[in-house]
Each structure stands twice: as structure tokens, then as C-alpha cells.
Amino acid sequence: MIAAATLLLGLPVALRTDIPSEAGIMERFVAPGPLSTAHRSLAGKCASCHTPVKGVEAKTCLSCHTGTDFGDKQSTVFHAQAAECSSCHVEHQGDRGIVNINHAALLDPKVWRQTPPRAPSSKPGPMSETALNCSSCHSVRDKHLGLFGTDCATCHSTNSWKIGDYRHPSTNSTQCVECHKAPPSHFMEHFSMVSQRAARSKARVDQCYACHTTDSFNNIRNRGWYDHH
């Protein structure tokens, strides 16, 4: 009976290929999954991150990351207010877990030294993900170039930036400049020397529809796919 139980317990370990060869017998039995590339040197050294009974403590993370510079990046400066790390950064899922952002944790007061900033339109009350001030982290990546404002939650969710029911205006629309801004090259000699010649059109910079189609800006009317930026 004991031999059978031992065999059953040992089988998952035998099948695992991500356990480091230097790991001890206990580490081999409890290893929950592969570490991220950044922490791979700690494989088999559980005590480097885990405190008995308490688990992973923020002070342990900071013993290595105290010199990490988050202050110069708008998208990471909020880390300075974090009181706990493991709510967002989950190890033993390879490179997938360590970089996934848990937006719900951004609203958990136990994780922060100060309450996270609310979105401009949010009201006091129970915190939900729509109360997040998305632009405080994401404006540097704003593909809308500020044209749609800063209240991202009116269109986007934290589960996916894609908008399932979004429909682009007609391919015959002439109001492109309401949402799109021409790239810097269109305001230089490059526009007349290259862009206009490639599109075989003398349209102005603000007449996007004369050269571009709505399925892709690289699909040029009367020419086809042309990627020259």
C-alpha cells in the first residue's frame, strides 16, 4: 500500500521536465511550475523568495529590486506606492505570469500605501475597474493621440483592449482627420517626394481618404499594399 502511494505521488514529479536537477527532494515534490526567465537562477532555492508560513514578502522582493528604476517610466512609476508585490507578479507560470497585470489588485487598498488614482469621471463608492485612471499608465501608448480623451474605460475593458462591437466608419468617409493624425513624415518634404508619388495623388495631408482605405493605412487606393513608413 505504501509503495503504491509513493509511486502515485512520485509519478507527477517524474513526468515534470522543468524541475532543476539541483533541486532537493522536497523542492521536487512541491515545485508548482517553472520560474520566469528573470528568476530562473533561483530555481530550487525556495527560501530565496519564500518565508516559511508567510509566503512571499515584499521586503524579500525588494532585497533584489530595491535598485530597480521605476521612476523614469510613466507606466511603472506607480510601483513606488506598492506595499505588496505578489498580487500582480505571480511566479511559477514561466514568463507568462510575471508580466501579467492584475488590474483588480490596483484597486485593493491592502496592496498600496496610498489609494490608487481614480479616473476623472469616477465617483466615490465601491471601487471597480472602471474607476481606474487608465491614462496615468497608458497615455504614452495612446494610439488615439489624445483625440478620444483620457477616459479609456468608456470603450475598453481590462480583459481586452479590443472592442468587439466596434465598426469603422464607411470606407467612403471623408472625416478621417477627426480621429487620425498624419505621421510626421507627411509634414515634411517626404510627403511630396515619396508619399504623394507612391499614392499617385496630389491630395492634401488632411485628405487621408484620397490615398488610404479603412482596412489598413498601408492599403493605398489604386495601388494596393504599400508599407513605406
Protein backbone atom coordinates (compact mmCIF):
# COMPACT_ATOMS: atom_id res chain seq x y z
CA MET A 1 0.00 0.00 0.00
CA ILE A 2 2.78 2.41 0.99
CA ALA A 3 4.73 1.51 -2.13
CA ALA A 4 1.67 2.22 -4.32
CA ALA A 5 1.11 5.61 -2.67
CA THR A 6 4.76 6.51 -3.11
CA LEU A 7 4.57 5.57 -6.77
CA LEU A 8 1.45 7.69 -7.32
CA LEU A 9 3.00 10.68 -5.54
CA GLY A 10 6.26 10.36 -7.37
CA LEU A 11 4.77 9.93 -10.85
CA PRO A 12 3.90 13.65 -11.42
CA VAL A 13 7.41 14.60 -10.34
CA ALA A 14 8.91 12.06 -12.71
CA LEU A 15 6.84 13.47 -15.56
CA ARG A 16 7.85 17.09 -14.85
CA THR A 17 10.69 18.30 -17.06
CA ASP A 18 11.04 21.83 -15.68
CA ILE A 19 12.37 20.93 -12.23
CA PRO A 20 16.09 21.82 -11.97
CA SER A 21 18.41 18.88 -11.45
CA GLU A 22 19.97 20.53 -8.39
CA ALA A 23 16.60 20.80 -6.57
CA GLY A 24 16.29 18.83 -3.35
CA ILE A 25 13.73 16.08 -2.76
CA MET A 26 11.23 18.43 -1.07
CA GLU A 27 11.54 21.05 -3.81
CA ARG A 28 10.91 18.33 -6.38
CA PHE A 29 7.65 17.33 -4.68
CA VAL A 30 6.24 20.82 -4.16
CA ALA A 31 7.59 22.72 -7.21
CA PRO A 32 4.38 24.25 -8.65
CA GLY A 33 5.73 25.24 -12.06
CA PRO A 34 8.60 26.83 -14.00
CA LEU A 35 10.06 30.16 -12.93
CA SER A 36 10.25 33.14 -15.25
CA THR A 37 13.45 33.68 -17.20
CA ALA A 38 14.41 36.59 -14.92
CA HIS A 39 14.23 34.38 -11.82
CA ARG A 40 15.49 31.13 -13.31
CA SER A 41 18.74 31.35 -11.36
CA LEU A 42 16.66 30.88 -8.18
CA ALA A 43 15.18 27.55 -9.31
CA GLY A 44 15.35 25.02 -6.49
CA LYS A 45 16.19 27.76 -3.95
CA CYS A 46 12.72 28.27 -2.48
CA ALA A 47 13.95 30.08 0.63
CA SER A 48 15.38 32.86 -1.54
CA CYS A 49 11.83 34.15 -2.08
CA HIS A 50 9.53 32.26 0.30
CA THR A 51 9.35 32.85 4.03
CA PRO A 52 8.02 29.84 5.98
CA VAL A 53 4.33 30.26 6.87
CA LYS A 54 4.22 33.85 5.46
CA GLY A 55 4.93 33.08 1.81
CA VAL A 56 6.47 35.70 -0.49
CA GLU A 57 7.00 39.02 1.32
CA ALA A 58 7.54 42.37 -0.36
CA LYS A 59 10.71 43.01 1.66
CA THR A 60 12.23 39.88 0.14
CA CYS A 61 11.46 41.09 -3.37
CA LEU A 62 12.96 44.50 -2.54
CA SER A 63 16.19 42.90 -1.33
CA CYS A 64 16.94 42.34 -5.04
CA HIS A 65 14.78 45.00 -6.69
CA THR A 66 15.46 47.99 -4.44
CA GLY A 67 17.74 49.43 -7.13
CA THR A 68 15.22 48.95 -9.93
CA ASP A 69 14.42 52.31 -11.51
CA PHE A 70 10.67 52.68 -11.94
CA GLY A 71 10.64 56.46 -11.59
CA ASP A 72 11.50 57.38 -15.17
CA LYS A 73 8.72 55.34 -16.76
CA GLN A 74 5.17 56.61 -16.64
CA SER A 75 3.82 53.09 -16.99
CA THR A 76 5.73 51.80 -13.93
CA VAL A 77 6.09 54.80 -11.60
CA PHE A 78 3.07 53.60 -9.57
CA HIS A 79 5.25 50.80 -8.18
CA ALA A 80 6.67 53.32 -5.72
CA GLN A 81 3.36 53.15 -3.82
CA ALA A 82 3.17 49.34 -3.78
CA ALA A 83 3.21 47.67 -0.38
CA GLU A 84 2.94 44.13 -1.76
CA CYS A 85 4.21 42.52 -4.97
CA SER A 86 2.72 39.05 -5.39
CA SER A 87 -0.83 40.26 -6.13
CA CYS A 88 0.32 41.25 -9.61
CA HIS A 89 3.54 39.33 -10.14
CA VAL A 90 2.79 35.61 -9.95
CA GLU A 91 5.68 33.22 -10.34
CA HIS A 92 5.82 29.55 -11.39
CA GLN A 93 3.92 30.24 -14.60
CA GLY A 94 7.00 30.75 -16.72
CA ASP A 95 7.31 34.14 -18.42
CA ARG A 96 3.52 34.43 -18.74
CA GLY A 97 2.58 35.09 -15.12
CA ILE A 98 5.30 37.50 -14.03
CA VAL A 99 4.31 40.21 -16.53
CA ASN A 100 0.52 39.88 -16.43
CA ILE A 101 -1.09 42.88 -14.78
CA ASN A 102 -3.84 42.16 -12.28
CA HIS A 103 -5.97 45.29 -12.65
CA ALA A 104 -8.17 44.27 -9.72
CA ALA A 105 -5.13 44.43 -7.44
CA LEU A 106 -4.62 48.06 -8.48
CA LEU A 107 -7.84 48.83 -6.60
CA ASP A 108 -7.06 46.81 -3.47
CA PRO A 109 -6.11 49.25 -0.66
CA LYS A 110 -4.18 46.49 1.14
CA VAL A 111 -1.68 46.40 -1.73
CA TRP A 112 -0.92 50.14 -1.72
CA ARG A 113 0.49 52.73 0.63
CA GLN A 114 -1.90 55.27 -0.90
CA THR A 115 -5.23 54.85 -2.65
CA PRO A 116 -4.71 54.43 -6.43
CA PRO A 117 -5.76 57.46 -8.51
CA ARG A 118 -9.34 57.37 -9.74
CA ALA A 119 -10.42 58.11 -13.26
CA PRO A 120 -11.60 61.72 -13.78
CA SER A 121 -15.22 60.62 -14.21
CA SER A 122 -15.39 58.16 -11.29
CA LYS A 123 -17.40 58.84 -8.16
CA PRO A 124 -16.76 57.84 -4.53
CA GLY A 125 -18.11 54.41 -3.67
CA PRO A 126 -17.19 50.74 -4.23
CA MET A 127 -14.08 50.54 -6.38
CA SER A 128 -14.47 48.82 -9.74
CA GLU A 129 -12.07 48.55 -12.66
CA THR A 130 -13.92 51.35 -14.43
CA ALA A 131 -12.66 53.64 -11.66
CA LEU A 132 -9.04 53.18 -12.69
CA ASN A 133 -7.26 56.20 -14.15
CA CYS A 134 -6.04 54.30 -17.24
CA SER A 135 -4.29 57.28 -18.79
CA SER A 136 -1.98 57.61 -15.79
CA CYS A 137 -0.19 54.50 -17.10
CA HIS A 138 -1.28 54.09 -20.71
CA SER A 139 -1.20 57.57 -22.26
CA VAL A 140 2.34 57.04 -23.55
CA ARG A 141 0.91 54.27 -25.73
CA ASP A 142 -2.25 56.13 -26.73
CA LYS A 143 -2.81 55.19 -30.35
CA HIS A 144 -5.65 57.70 -30.42
CA LEU A 145 -3.13 60.51 -29.86
CA GLY A 146 -5.39 62.13 -27.28
CA LEU A 147 -8.27 62.55 -29.73
CA PHE A 148 -10.66 60.39 -27.68
CA GLY A 149 -9.83 61.88 -24.30
CA THR A 150 -8.43 60.08 -21.26
CA ASP A 151 -11.40 58.03 -20.02
CA CYS A 152 -10.34 54.74 -21.66
CA ALA A 153 -12.97 52.71 -19.79
CA THR A 154 -15.78 54.21 -21.87
CA CYS A 155 -14.63 51.94 -24.72
CA HIS A 156 -12.04 49.49 -23.39
CA SER A 157 -12.05 46.86 -20.66
CA THR A 158 -9.12 45.40 -18.75
CA ASN A 159 -9.85 41.94 -20.14
CA SER A 160 -9.08 43.03 -23.70
CA TRP A 161 -8.26 46.33 -25.42
CA LYS A 162 -10.19 45.08 -28.45
CA ILE A 163 -13.72 46.44 -28.83
CA GLY A 164 -15.89 43.60 -30.05
CA ASP A 165 -18.75 45.66 -31.46
CA TYR A 166 -16.62 48.46 -32.93
CA ARG A 167 -17.35 49.21 -36.56
CA HIS A 168 -15.11 51.55 -38.53
CA PRO A 169 -16.90 54.33 -40.45
CA SER A 170 -17.60 53.72 -44.12
CA THR A 171 -14.67 53.33 -46.48
CA ASN A 172 -16.12 56.35 -48.27
CA SER A 173 -15.92 58.54 -45.17
CA THR A 174 -14.11 61.85 -45.64
CA GLN A 175 -13.82 62.71 -41.93
CA CYS A 176 -10.63 60.74 -41.21
CA VAL A 177 -8.91 63.69 -39.50
CA GLU A 178 -11.48 63.62 -36.71
CA CYS A 179 -9.74 60.50 -35.38
CA HIS A 180 -6.45 60.20 -37.24
CA LYS A 181 -3.38 62.41 -37.36
CA ALA A 182 -0.88 62.19 -40.19
CA PRO A 183 2.61 60.88 -39.29
CA PRO A 184 5.49 63.39 -39.01
CA SER A 185 6.77 62.43 -42.48
CA HIS A 186 3.59 63.84 -44.03
CA PHE A 187 4.54 67.31 -42.82
CA MET A 188 7.98 67.17 -44.43
CA GLU A 189 9.34 67.00 -47.96
CA HIS A 190 8.92 63.25 -47.71
CA PHE A 191 5.20 63.73 -48.34
CA SER A 192 5.55 65.33 -51.77
CA MET A 193 8.71 63.46 -52.76
CA VAL A 194 7.62 59.96 -51.73
CA SER A 195 4.11 59.62 -50.29
CA GLN A 196 2.20 61.54 -52.97
CA ARG A 197 4.14 59.85 -55.76
CA ALA A 198 3.59 56.40 -54.26
CA ALA A 199 -0.15 57.03 -53.95
CA ARG A 200 -0.31 58.80 -57.32
CA SER A 201 -2.35 61.58 -55.72
CA LYS A 202 -1.82 65.27 -55.01
CA ALA A 203 -4.21 65.28 -52.04
CA ARG A 204 -3.50 67.45 -49.00
CA VAL A 205 -2.24 65.97 -45.75
CA ASP A 206 -5.67 66.29 -44.15
CA GLN A 207 -7.37 64.42 -47.00
CA CYS A 208 -6.43 60.95 -45.75
CA TYR A 209 -9.32 59.30 -47.62
CA ALA A 210 -7.83 60.24 -51.00
CA CYS A 211 -4.98 57.75 -50.57
CA HIS A 212 -5.82 55.48 -47.64
CA THR A 213 -8.51 52.86 -47.09
CA THR A 214 -10.16 51.94 -43.80
CA ASP A 215 -8.98 48.33 -43.56
CA SER A 216 -5.34 49.41 -43.26
CA PHE A 217 -3.41 52.64 -43.75
CA ASN A 218 -0.89 50.63 -45.76
CA ASN A 219 -3.56 49.66 -48.28
CA ILE A 220 -3.27 52.55 -50.74
CA ARG A 221 -6.14 53.25 -53.12
CA ASN A 222 -5.46 52.27 -56.73
CA ARG A 223 -2.10 50.81 -55.76
CA GLY A 224 -2.55 48.11 -53.14
CA TRP A 225 -0.38 47.26 -50.15
CA TYR A 226 2.48 49.70 -49.77
CA ASP A 227 4.39 49.94 -46.49
CA HIS A 228 6.81 52.86 -46.74
CA HIS A 229 6.96 54.08 -43.10
